Amino acid sequence: MSAPTSRTDKGTRGFDLDLHVTFTRPLPEAQARAALLALPGFTVDLYRPHPNPTGQSPTGQTPPALEEAPGVPSARLTGPLTDPDAVRAGLAALLGGDARYVEVGLRGFLRSAQGQTEWMPWRRNVVLPRADVARVTFEESLRFVLE
């Protein structure tokens, strides 16, 4: 049984860690998931382009069979912040490996009784060099961009 996360709480408001990782190049799914193991305990959403975004072939004919996705260019991790030092260590590992840049912060949310999540906008952005992971603080509505 996995540990409960705030994602299952309905009718609540609060702050969750919201972390976006953009890889240096699109990675195969297994490799992307392996890279994200540096940050365990979060909900992971892998982003990838749709193989046929318009639903038509270039000639306007019936769309061909969808090809396998070209890879994972980025991912989003969300969940409660339990250990800031462990997150900083995971960020340093990602930035020393497959990540081109990372956006991270505590983002406000409002979750309806039906389970839909509304994310609040960031109040401020702070851009840091990728080597300055130690300067990342986890203040509400403050996003750090490490590039």
Protein backbone atom coordinates (compact mmCIF):
# COMPACT_ATOMS: atom_id res chain seq x y z
CA MET A 1 0.00 0.00 0.00
CA SER A 2 1.47 3.37 -0.98
CA ALA A 3 1.67 6.38 1.30
CA PRO A 4 -1.30 8.73 0.98
CA THR A 5 -0.75 11.97 -0.88
CA SER A 6 -2.68 15.21 -0.84
CA ARG A 7 -3.83 14.45 -4.40
CA THR A 8 -6.57 12.19 -2.99
CA ASP A 9 -7.90 14.78 -0.50
CA LYS A 10 -11.08 16.36 -1.85
CA GLY A 11 -12.54 19.72 -0.91
CA THR A 12 -9.23 21.06 0.40
CA ARG A 13 -6.79 23.87 -0.23
CA GLY A 14 -3.11 24.03 0.51
CA PHE A 15 0.34 23.89 -1.04
CA ASP A 16 2.09 21.05 -2.87
CA LEU A 17 5.53 20.76 -4.33
CA ASP A 18 5.23 21.43 -8.06
CA LEU A 19 8.32 20.46 -10.04
CA HIS A 20 8.84 20.54 -13.82
CA VAL A 21 11.87 18.86 -15.38
CA THR A 22 12.89 19.45 -18.99
CA PHE A 23 15.37 16.89 -20.28
CA THR A 24 18.36 17.73 -22.49
CA ARG A 25 16.79 15.55 -25.19
CA PRO A 26 13.62 13.42 -25.34
CA LEU A 27 14.26 10.24 -23.36
CA PRO A 28 12.68 6.81 -23.71
CA GLU A 29 10.02 6.38 -21.01
CA ALA A 30 12.07 3.90 -18.95
CA GLN A 31 15.09 6.21 -18.94
CA ALA A 32 12.95 9.24 -17.99
CA ARG A 33 11.38 7.33 -15.08
CA ALA A 34 14.83 6.13 -13.97
CA ALA A 35 16.14 9.72 -13.96
CA LEU A 36 13.16 10.83 -11.86
CA LEU A 37 13.93 8.21 -9.20
CA ALA A 38 16.22 10.90 -7.73
CA LEU A 39 12.96 12.42 -6.40
CA PRO A 40 10.92 9.53 -4.93
CA GLY A 41 7.46 9.81 -3.40
CA PHE A 42 5.83 12.21 -5.87
CA THR A 43 3.12 11.80 -8.48
CA VAL A 44 4.83 11.74 -11.89
CA ASP A 45 3.25 12.94 -15.14
CA LEU A 46 5.38 12.35 -18.23
CA TYR A 47 4.83 14.88 -21.01
CA ARG A 48 5.35 13.95 -24.63
CA PRO A 49 4.15 15.39 -27.92
CA HIS A 50 1.22 13.72 -29.58
CA PRO A 51 2.47 11.74 -32.61
CA ASN A 52 -0.30 13.18 -34.82
CA PRO A 53 -1.64 16.38 -33.17
CA THR A 54 -4.05 17.37 -35.96
CA GLY A 55 -5.47 13.90 -36.50
CA GLN A 56 -4.86 14.07 -40.25
CA SER A 57 -2.12 12.90 -42.51
CA PRO A 58 -0.18 15.55 -44.47
CA THR A 59 -2.28 14.71 -47.55
CA GLY A 60 -5.59 15.17 -45.69
CA GLN A 61 -6.43 11.47 -45.94
CA THR A 62 -7.46 9.21 -43.09
CA PRO A 63 -4.81 9.39 -40.36
CA PRO A 64 -2.24 6.60 -40.47
CA ALA A 65 -1.78 4.31 -37.51
CA LEU A 66 -0.25 6.28 -34.66
CA GLU A 67 3.45 5.75 -34.40
CA GLU A 68 5.12 5.12 -31.09
CA ALA A 69 5.69 8.33 -29.12
CA PRO A 70 9.07 9.90 -29.96
CA GLY A 71 10.20 10.14 -26.33
CA VAL A 72 9.63 12.11 -23.15
CA PRO A 73 10.90 15.71 -23.38
CA SER A 74 9.72 16.74 -19.90
CA ALA A 75 7.89 15.66 -16.77
CA ARG A 76 5.97 17.10 -13.85
CA LEU A 77 6.17 15.87 -10.28
CA THR A 78 3.68 16.93 -7.60
CA GLY A 79 2.98 16.03 -4.01
CA PRO A 80 3.52 17.08 -0.43
CA LEU A 81 6.95 18.39 0.55
CA THR A 82 8.24 16.17 3.35
CA ASP A 83 12.03 16.60 3.23
CA PRO A 84 13.42 19.79 1.61
CA ASP A 85 17.03 18.55 1.83
CA ALA A 86 16.16 15.32 0.01
CA VAL A 87 14.44 17.37 -2.74
CA ARG A 88 17.52 19.59 -3.08
CA ALA A 89 19.73 16.49 -3.36
CA GLY A 90 17.39 15.07 -6.02
CA LEU A 91 17.47 18.37 -7.94
CA ALA A 92 21.28 18.37 -7.87
CA ALA A 93 21.31 14.78 -9.18
CA LEU A 94 18.89 15.63 -12.01
CA LEU A 95 20.79 18.78 -13.01
CA GLY A 96 24.04 16.81 -13.00
CA GLY A 97 22.50 14.25 -15.35
CA ASP A 98 19.68 14.36 -17.89
CA ALA A 99 17.91 17.65 -16.95
CA ARG A 100 18.37 20.79 -19.04
CA TYR A 101 16.47 22.91 -16.51
CA VAL A 102 14.13 22.48 -13.56
CA GLU A 103 11.31 24.64 -12.20
CA VAL A 104 10.40 23.97 -8.56
CA GLY A 105 8.32 25.55 -5.82
CA LEU A 106 5.44 25.20 -3.38
CA ARG A 107 2.34 25.99 -5.39
CA GLY A 108 -1.07 26.75 -3.95
CA PHE A 109 -4.00 24.60 -4.97
CA LEU A 110 -7.72 24.45 -4.43
CA ARG A 111 -9.27 20.99 -4.82
CA SER A 112 -13.02 20.68 -5.30
CA ALA A 113 -15.19 18.07 -3.61
CA GLN A 114 -15.26 16.27 -7.00
CA GLY A 115 -11.45 16.01 -6.97
CA GLN A 116 -10.60 18.62 -9.63
CA THR A 117 -7.49 20.63 -8.80
CA GLU A 118 -7.12 24.33 -9.55
CA TRP A 119 -3.50 25.48 -9.34
CA MET A 120 -2.88 29.06 -8.20
CA PRO A 121 -0.50 31.28 -10.19
CA TRP A 122 3.04 31.82 -8.99
CA ARG A 123 3.57 35.14 -7.16
CA ARG A 124 7.24 35.41 -8.05
CA ASN A 125 9.92 33.62 -10.08
CA VAL A 126 13.59 33.37 -9.11
CA VAL A 127 16.11 32.28 -11.75
CA LEU A 128 19.28 30.62 -10.44
CA PRO A 129 22.29 28.97 -12.04
CA ARG A 130 21.97 25.19 -12.02
CA ALA A 131 24.79 24.88 -9.47
CA ASP A 132 22.89 26.95 -6.85
CA VAL A 133 20.47 24.24 -5.72
CA ALA A 134 21.33 25.04 -2.07
CA ARG A 135 19.69 28.48 -2.50
CA VAL A 136 16.30 26.95 -3.29
CA THR A 137 13.84 27.69 -0.50
CA PHE A 138 10.38 26.26 -0.33
CA GLU A 139 8.26 29.36 0.23
CA GLU A 140 4.60 29.36 -0.74
CA SER A 141 3.94 30.59 -4.31
CA LEU A 142 7.63 31.19 -5.09
CA ARG A 143 9.02 29.32 -8.13
CA PHE A 144 12.72 28.70 -8.67
CA VAL A 145 14.03 28.09 -12.16
CA LEU A 146 17.40 26.31 -12.21
CA GLU A 147 19.05 26.48 -15.62
